[in-house]
């Protein structure tokens, strides 16, 4: 199972020489979070493509209104 601990994820990123806040750093965190997503959602390819928007929102980044609307539509269809 991927680690959930921020401290462990930071250690992994240090070993891999991934800079904090970089795209690779955020991807590492996103991939670790996938293990917490229910299997039924992971199997929905359209929804899976939209999860990065969700993760950016969770990190207080500002996705476009269209991206959020698309994500909401997929969740409702799921």
C-alpha atoms as a PDB file:
ATOM      1  CA  UNK A   1       0.000   0.000   0.000  1.00  0.00           C
ATOM      2  CA  UNK A   2       1.262   3.511  -0.758  1.00  0.00           C
ATOM      3  CA  UNK A   3       2.178   5.530   2.323  1.00  0.00           C
ATOM      4  CA  UNK A   4      -0.303   8.077   3.658  1.00  0.00           C
ATOM      5  CA  UNK A   5       2.199   9.813   5.913  1.00  0.00           C
ATOM      6  CA  UNK A   6       3.418  13.180   4.675  1.00  0.00           C
ATOM      7  CA  UNK A   7       6.755  12.553   6.390  1.00  0.00           C
ATOM      8  CA  UNK A   8       7.275   9.279   4.517  1.00  0.00           C
ATOM      9  CA  UNK A   9       6.243  10.832   1.204  1.00  0.00           C
ATOM     10  CA  UNK A  10       8.787  13.606   1.804  1.00  0.00           C
ATOM     11  CA  UNK A  11      11.493  11.018   2.514  1.00  0.00           C
ATOM     12  CA  UNK A  12      10.619   9.176  -0.694  1.00  0.00           C
ATOM     13  CA  UNK A  13      10.744  12.401  -2.689  1.00  0.00           C
ATOM     14  CA  UNK A  14      14.128  13.256  -1.152  1.00  0.00           C
ATOM     15  CA  UNK A  15      15.559   9.835  -2.092  1.00  0.00           C
ATOM     16  CA  UNK A  16      14.219  10.268  -5.639  1.00  0.00           C
ATOM     17  CA  UNK A  17      15.543  13.851  -5.749  1.00  0.00           C
ATOM     18  CA  UNK A  18      12.049  15.261  -6.336  1.00  0.00           C
ATOM     19  CA  UNK A  19      11.723  18.890  -5.294  1.00  0.00           C
ATOM     20  CA  UNK A  20       8.904  19.834  -2.932  1.00  0.00           C
ATOM     21  CA  UNK A  21       6.043  21.507  -4.791  1.00  0.00           C
ATOM     22  CA  UNK A  22       7.164  20.293  -8.222  1.00  0.00           C
ATOM     23  CA  UNK A  23       4.822  18.505 -10.625  1.00  0.00           C
ATOM     24  CA  UNK A  24       6.549  15.201  -9.802  1.00  0.00           C
ATOM     25  CA  UNK A  25       6.122  15.864  -6.068  1.00  0.00           C
ATOM     26  CA  UNK A  26       2.404  16.509  -6.525  1.00  0.00           C
ATOM     27  CA  UNK A  27       2.091  13.431  -8.755  1.00  0.00           C
ATOM     28  CA  UNK A  28       3.732  11.293  -6.061  1.00  0.00           C
ATOM     29  CA  UNK A  29       1.167  12.520  -3.546  1.00  0.00           C
ATOM     30  CA  UNK A  30      -1.710  12.018  -5.982  1.00  0.00           C
ATOM     31  CA  UNK A  31      -0.647   8.450  -6.729  1.00  0.00           C
ATOM     32  CA  UNK A  32      -0.359   7.677  -3.022  1.00  0.00           C
ATOM     33  CA  UNK A  33      -3.894   9.021  -2.530  1.00  0.00           C
ATOM     34  CA  UNK A  34      -5.316   6.706  -5.227  1.00  0.00           C
ATOM     35  CA  UNK A  35      -5.252   3.801  -2.770  1.00  0.00           C
ATOM     36  CA  UNK A  36      -7.947   5.587  -0.747  1.00  0.00           C
ATOM     37  CA  UNK A  37     -10.340   5.907  -3.687  1.00  0.00           C
ATOM     38  CA  UNK A  38     -13.112   3.296  -3.843  1.00  0.00           C
ATOM     39  CA  UNK A  39     -12.538   0.589  -6.467  1.00  0.00           C
ATOM     40  CA  UNK A  40     -15.735   1.424  -8.377  1.00  0.00           C
ATOM     41  CA  UNK A  41     -14.486   4.948  -9.006  1.00  0.00           C
ATOM     42  CA  UNK A  42     -11.021   3.821 -10.057  1.00  0.00           C
ATOM     43  CA  UNK A  43     -12.556   1.497 -12.664  1.00  0.00           C
ATOM     44  CA  UNK A  44     -14.415   4.420 -14.277  1.00  0.00           C
ATOM     45  CA  UNK A  45     -11.864   5.656 -16.848  1.00  0.00           C
ATOM     46  CA  UNK A  46     -13.686   8.922 -17.550  1.00  0.00           C
ATOM     47  CA  UNK A  47     -13.790   9.757 -13.863  1.00  0.00           C
ATOM     48  CA  UNK A  48     -10.196   8.646 -13.372  1.00  0.00           C
ATOM     49  CA  UNK A  49      -9.091  11.164 -16.004  1.00  0.00           C
ATOM     50  CA  UNK A  50     -10.793  13.934 -13.990  1.00  0.00           C
ATOM     51  CA  UNK A  51      -9.250  13.072 -10.622  1.00  0.00           C
ATOM     52  CA  UNK A  52      -6.240  15.377 -11.103  1.00  0.00           C
ATOM     53  CA  UNK A  53      -8.707  18.300 -11.139  1.00  0.00           C
ATOM     54  CA  UNK A  54     -10.101  17.077  -7.848  1.00  0.00           C
ATOM     55  CA  UNK A  55      -6.650  16.755  -6.310  1.00  0.00           C
ATOM     56  CA  UNK A  56      -5.622  20.233  -7.494  1.00  0.00           C
ATOM     57  CA  UNK A  57      -8.798  21.612  -5.929  1.00  0.00           C
ATOM     58  CA  UNK A  58      -8.049  19.783  -2.707  1.00  0.00           C
ATOM     59  CA  UNK A  59      -4.626  21.471  -2.704  1.00  0.00           C
ATOM     60  CA  UNK A  60      -6.367  24.854  -3.067  1.00  0.00           C
ATOM     61  CA  UNK A  61      -5.369  25.326  -6.676  1.00  0.00           C
ATOM     62  CA  UNK A  62      -7.865  26.942  -9.018  1.00  0.00           C
ATOM     63  CA  UNK A  63      -9.140  24.661 -11.793  1.00  0.00           C
ATOM     64  CA  UNK A  64     -11.394  26.198 -14.413  1.00  0.00           C
ATOM     65  CA  UNK A  65     -15.148  26.194 -13.891  1.00  0.00           C
ATOM     66  CA  UNK A  66     -15.477  23.891 -16.903  1.00  0.00           C
ATOM     67  CA  UNK A  67     -13.126  21.321 -15.393  1.00  0.00           C
ATOM     68  CA  UNK A  68     -15.046  21.366 -12.110  1.00  0.00           C
ATOM     69  CA  UNK A  69     -18.365  21.082 -13.953  1.00  0.00           C
ATOM     70  CA  UNK A  70     -17.046  18.144 -15.991  1.00  0.00           C
ATOM     71  CA  UNK A  71     -15.891  16.413 -12.811  1.00  0.00           C
ATOM     72  CA  UNK A  72     -19.243  16.959 -11.117  1.00  0.00           C
ATOM     73  CA  UNK A  73     -21.073  15.578 -14.153  1.00  0.00           C
ATOM     74  CA  UNK A  74     -18.922  12.435 -14.141  1.00  0.00           C
ATOM     75  CA  UNK A  75     -19.433  11.900 -10.432  1.00  0.00           C
ATOM     76  CA  UNK A  76     -23.199  12.196 -10.844  1.00  0.00           C
ATOM     77  CA  UNK A  77     -23.141   9.715 -13.737  1.00  0.00           C
ATOM     78  CA  UNK A  78     -20.896   7.271 -11.856  1.00  0.00           C
END
